Amino acid sequence: MFELRVEHSFPAGHALRGYNGKCANIHGHNYRVQVAVAGERLNEIGLLMDFGDLKKALRAICEELDHQFLNELPAFAEINASAENIAHYIYSRMKEALAEQMSASGTSLIEVSVQETDTAWAIYRQ
């Protein structure tokens, strides 16, 4: 099995609704996002998938979140913009953005990791 990972970072703010602690207050993070795809076979030139395509899709999704107060975005209107929910959101968007390429190459999106601080991150896998 082959696996590729790409990474992108973006700053954003949020507040955890219903949380009993400091994170209920508005605060921000420099989020670091990793996306991983995997597959059994390489194409005719020895690639699982083009890193550039993965990076482009991830950058476009992160650009929508960059320097935003995440609670105000439609995706997080009814759920907290927790690292877990951000990872799930990015996973869903990446799956949509790469559907055609993944189908053609026989690859699968295996996980999205969202690092919120130097010592805390969440991972979404399906």
C-alpha atoms as a PDB file:
ATOM      1  CA  MET A   1       0.000   0.000   0.000  1.00  0.00           C
ATOM      2  CA  PHE A   2       1.291   3.451  -0.953  1.00  0.00           C
ATOM      3  CA  GLU A   3       0.399   6.555   1.040  1.00  0.00           C
ATOM      4  CA  LEU A   4       0.808  10.262   0.329  1.00  0.00           C
ATOM      5  CA  ARG A   5       0.461  13.130   2.788  1.00  0.00           C
ATOM      6  CA  VAL A   6       0.301  16.867   2.243  1.00  0.00           C
ATOM      7  CA  GLU A   7       0.059  19.649   4.774  1.00  0.00           C
ATOM      8  CA  HIS A   8      -1.235  23.200   4.934  1.00  0.00           C
ATOM      9  CA  SER A   9      -1.637  25.714   7.757  1.00  0.00           C
ATOM     10  CA  PHE A  10      -4.095  28.517   8.419  1.00  0.00           C
ATOM     11  CA  PRO A  11      -4.970  30.797  11.337  1.00  0.00           C
ATOM     12  CA  ALA A  12      -8.577  31.074  12.510  1.00  0.00           C
ATOM     13  CA  GLY A  13     -10.627  31.834  15.586  1.00  0.00           C
ATOM     14  CA  HIS A  14     -13.449  30.031  17.342  1.00  0.00           C
ATOM     15  CA  ALA A  15     -15.236  29.631  20.659  1.00  0.00           C
ATOM     16  CA  LEU A  16     -16.622  26.350  21.937  1.00  0.00           C
ATOM     17  CA  ARG A  17     -20.321  26.742  22.667  1.00  0.00           C
ATOM     18  CA  GLY A  18     -21.483  24.858  25.743  1.00  0.00           C
ATOM     19  CA  TYR A  19     -17.934  24.285  26.972  1.00  0.00           C
ATOM     20  CA  ASN A  20     -17.167  24.930  30.632  1.00  0.00           C
ATOM     21  CA  GLY A  21     -13.701  26.455  30.540  1.00  0.00           C
ATOM     22  CA  LYS A  22     -11.409  28.952  28.845  1.00  0.00           C
ATOM     23  CA  CYS A  23     -12.162  27.631  25.355  1.00  0.00           C
ATOM     24  CA  ALA A  24     -15.707  28.963  25.660  1.00  0.00           C
ATOM     25  CA  ASN A  25     -14.114  32.372  25.094  1.00  0.00           C
ATOM     26  CA  ILE A  26     -13.162  33.588  21.636  1.00  0.00           C
ATOM     27  CA  HIS A  27      -9.599  32.519  20.865  1.00  0.00           C
ATOM     28  CA  GLY A  28      -7.523  31.474  17.884  1.00  0.00           C
ATOM     29  CA  HIS A  29      -5.160  28.818  16.624  1.00  0.00           C
ATOM     30  CA  ASN A  30      -2.671  28.349  13.850  1.00  0.00           C
ATOM     31  CA  TYR A  31      -4.205  25.150  12.548  1.00  0.00           C
ATOM     32  CA  ARG A  32      -1.976  22.637  10.790  1.00  0.00           C
ATOM     33  CA  VAL A  33      -3.856  20.225   8.530  1.00  0.00           C
ATOM     34  CA  GLN A  34      -2.533  16.986   7.049  1.00  0.00           C
ATOM     35  CA  VAL A  35      -4.380  14.974   4.427  1.00  0.00           C
ATOM     36  CA  ALA A  36      -3.495  11.380   3.556  1.00  0.00           C
ATOM     37  CA  VAL A  37      -4.477   9.285   0.545  1.00  0.00           C
ATOM     38  CA  ALA A  38      -3.557   5.668  -0.113  1.00  0.00           C
ATOM     39  CA  GLY A  39      -3.725   3.138  -2.907  1.00  0.00           C
ATOM     40  CA  GLU A  40      -2.375  -0.180  -4.107  1.00  0.00           C
ATOM     41  CA  ARG A  41      -0.964   0.818  -7.480  1.00  0.00           C
ATOM     42  CA  LEU A  42       1.093   3.561  -9.065  1.00  0.00           C
ATOM     43  CA  ASN A  43       0.307   5.072 -12.437  1.00  0.00           C
ATOM     44  CA  GLU A  44       2.400   4.591 -15.567  1.00  0.00           C
ATOM     45  CA  ILE A  45       4.991   7.154 -14.453  1.00  0.00           C
ATOM     46  CA  GLY A  46       5.282   5.824 -10.897  1.00  0.00           C
ATOM     47  CA  LEU A  47       2.950   8.179  -9.003  1.00  0.00           C
ATOM     48  CA  LEU A  48       0.069   7.309  -6.718  1.00  0.00           C
ATOM     49  CA  MET A  49      -1.395  10.770  -7.247  1.00  0.00           C
ATOM     50  CA  ASP A  50       0.068  14.167  -8.066  1.00  0.00           C
ATOM     51  CA  PHE A  51       1.168  15.980  -4.885  1.00  0.00           C
ATOM     52  CA  GLY A  52       0.235  19.214  -6.660  1.00  0.00           C
ATOM     53  CA  ASP A  53      -3.399  18.144  -7.027  1.00  0.00           C
ATOM     54  CA  LEU A  54      -3.610  17.217  -3.346  1.00  0.00           C
ATOM     55  CA  LYS A  55      -1.998  20.486  -2.259  1.00  0.00           C
ATOM     56  CA  LYS A  56      -4.221  22.566  -4.521  1.00  0.00           C
ATOM     57  CA  ALA A  57      -7.417  20.977  -3.169  1.00  0.00           C
ATOM     58  CA  LEU A  58      -6.300  21.348   0.453  1.00  0.00           C
ATOM     59  CA  ARG A  59      -5.194  24.966  -0.035  1.00  0.00           C
ATOM     60  CA  ALA A  60      -8.557  25.887  -1.578  1.00  0.00           C
ATOM     61  CA  ILE A  61     -10.497  24.418   1.358  1.00  0.00           C
ATOM     62  CA  CYS A  62      -8.208  25.975   3.966  1.00  0.00           C
ATOM     63  CA  GLU A  63      -8.426  29.343   2.204  1.00  0.00           C
ATOM     64  CA  GLU A  64     -12.159  29.422   3.021  1.00  0.00           C
ATOM     65  CA  LEU A  65     -11.309  28.976   6.732  1.00  0.00           C
ATOM     66  CA  ASP A  66      -8.242  31.225   6.798  1.00  0.00           C
ATOM     67  CA  HIS A  67      -8.539  34.227   9.171  1.00  0.00           C
ATOM     68  CA  GLN A  68     -12.208  33.481   9.821  1.00  0.00           C
ATOM     69  CA  PHE A  69     -14.223  33.279  13.028  1.00  0.00           C
ATOM     70  CA  LEU A  70     -15.256  29.689  12.370  1.00  0.00           C
ATOM     71  CA  ASN A  71     -18.434  29.855  14.488  1.00  0.00           C
ATOM     72  CA  GLU A  72     -19.918  32.249  11.923  1.00  0.00           C
ATOM     73  CA  LEU A  73     -19.440  29.924   8.940  1.00  0.00           C
ATOM     74  CA  PRO A  74     -22.461  27.884   7.796  1.00  0.00           C
ATOM     75  CA  ALA A  75     -20.587  24.594   8.350  1.00  0.00           C
ATOM     76  CA  PHE A  76     -20.247  25.391  12.056  1.00  0.00           C
ATOM     77  CA  ALA A  77     -23.519  27.226  12.671  1.00  0.00           C
ATOM     78  CA  GLU A  78     -25.029  24.279  14.547  1.00  0.00           C
ATOM     79  CA  ILE A  79     -21.931  22.348  15.612  1.00  0.00           C
ATOM     80  CA  ASN A  80     -18.827  23.515  17.411  1.00  0.00           C
ATOM     81  CA  ALA A  81     -15.777  24.351  15.339  1.00  0.00           C
ATOM     82  CA  SER A  82     -13.799  21.823  17.368  1.00  0.00           C
ATOM     83  CA  ALA A  83     -10.672  20.243  15.930  1.00  0.00           C
ATOM     84  CA  GLU A  84     -12.705  17.056  15.498  1.00  0.00           C
ATOM     85  CA  ASN A  85     -15.443  18.777  13.506  1.00  0.00           C
ATOM     86  CA  ILE A  86     -12.936  20.766  11.454  1.00  0.00           C
ATOM     87  CA  ALA A  87     -11.175  17.503  10.540  1.00  0.00           C
ATOM     88  CA  HIS A  88     -14.494  15.945   9.495  1.00  0.00           C
ATOM     89  CA  TYR A  89     -15.423  19.038   7.470  1.00  0.00           C
ATOM     90  CA  ILE A  90     -12.097  19.086   5.621  1.00  0.00           C
ATOM     91  CA  TYR A  91     -12.322  15.320   5.021  1.00  0.00           C
ATOM     92  CA  SER A  92     -15.769  15.706   3.425  1.00  0.00           C
ATOM     93  CA  ARG A  93     -14.657  18.622   1.270  1.00  0.00           C
ATOM     94  CA  MET A  94     -11.459  16.839   0.162  1.00  0.00           C
ATOM     95  CA  LYS A  95     -13.445  13.732  -0.750  1.00  0.00           C
ATOM     96  CA  GLU A  96     -15.690  15.865  -2.974  1.00  0.00           C
ATOM     97  CA  ALA A  97     -12.794  17.820  -4.498  1.00  0.00           C
ATOM     98  CA  LEU A  98     -10.766  14.713  -5.349  1.00  0.00           C
ATOM     99  CA  ALA A  99     -13.569  12.278  -6.215  1.00  0.00           C
ATOM    100  CA  GLU A 100     -12.771  12.104  -9.936  1.00  0.00           C
ATOM    101  CA  GLN A 101      -8.998  11.771  -9.452  1.00  0.00           C
ATOM    102  CA  MET A 102      -9.339   9.183  -6.701  1.00  0.00           C
ATOM    103  CA  SER A 103     -11.733   7.125  -8.800  1.00  0.00           C
ATOM    104  CA  ALA A 104      -9.406   7.220 -11.805  1.00  0.00           C
ATOM    105  CA  SER A 105      -6.305   6.368  -9.772  1.00  0.00           C
ATOM    106  CA  GLY A 106      -7.866   3.832  -7.409  1.00  0.00           C
ATOM    107  CA  THR A 107      -6.843   5.836  -4.353  1.00  0.00           C
ATOM    108  CA  SER A 108      -8.784   6.523  -1.181  1.00  0.00           C
ATOM    109  CA  LEU A 109      -8.781   9.440   1.204  1.00  0.00           C
ATOM    110  CA  ILE A 110      -7.747   7.765   4.437  1.00  0.00           C
ATOM    111  CA  GLU A 111      -7.501  10.562   6.982  1.00  0.00           C
ATOM    112  CA  VAL A 112      -7.426  14.231   7.811  1.00  0.00           C
ATOM    113  CA  SER A 113      -5.478  15.423  10.826  1.00  0.00           C
ATOM    114  CA  VAL A 114      -6.012  18.866  12.346  1.00  0.00           C
ATOM    115  CA  GLN A 115      -3.362  20.066  14.765  1.00  0.00           C
ATOM    116  CA  GLU A 116      -4.653  22.825  17.019  1.00  0.00           C
ATOM    117  CA  THR A 117      -1.574  23.346  19.199  1.00  0.00           C
ATOM    118  CA  ASP A 118       1.916  21.870  19.418  1.00  0.00           C
ATOM    119  CA  THR A 119       0.563  19.085  21.604  1.00  0.00           C
ATOM    120  CA  ALA A 120      -3.060  18.572  20.526  1.00  0.00           C
ATOM    121  CA  TRP A 121      -4.636  17.320  17.311  1.00  0.00           C
ATOM    122  CA  ALA A 122      -7.692  15.450  16.047  1.00  0.00           C
ATOM    123  CA  ILE A 123      -7.876  12.880  13.260  1.00  0.00           C
ATOM    124  CA  TYR A 124     -10.896  11.928  11.174  1.00  0.00           C
ATOM    125  CA  ARG A 125     -10.934   8.606   9.292  1.00  0.00           C
ATOM    126  CA  GLN A 126     -13.895   6.979   7.628  1.00  0.00           C
END
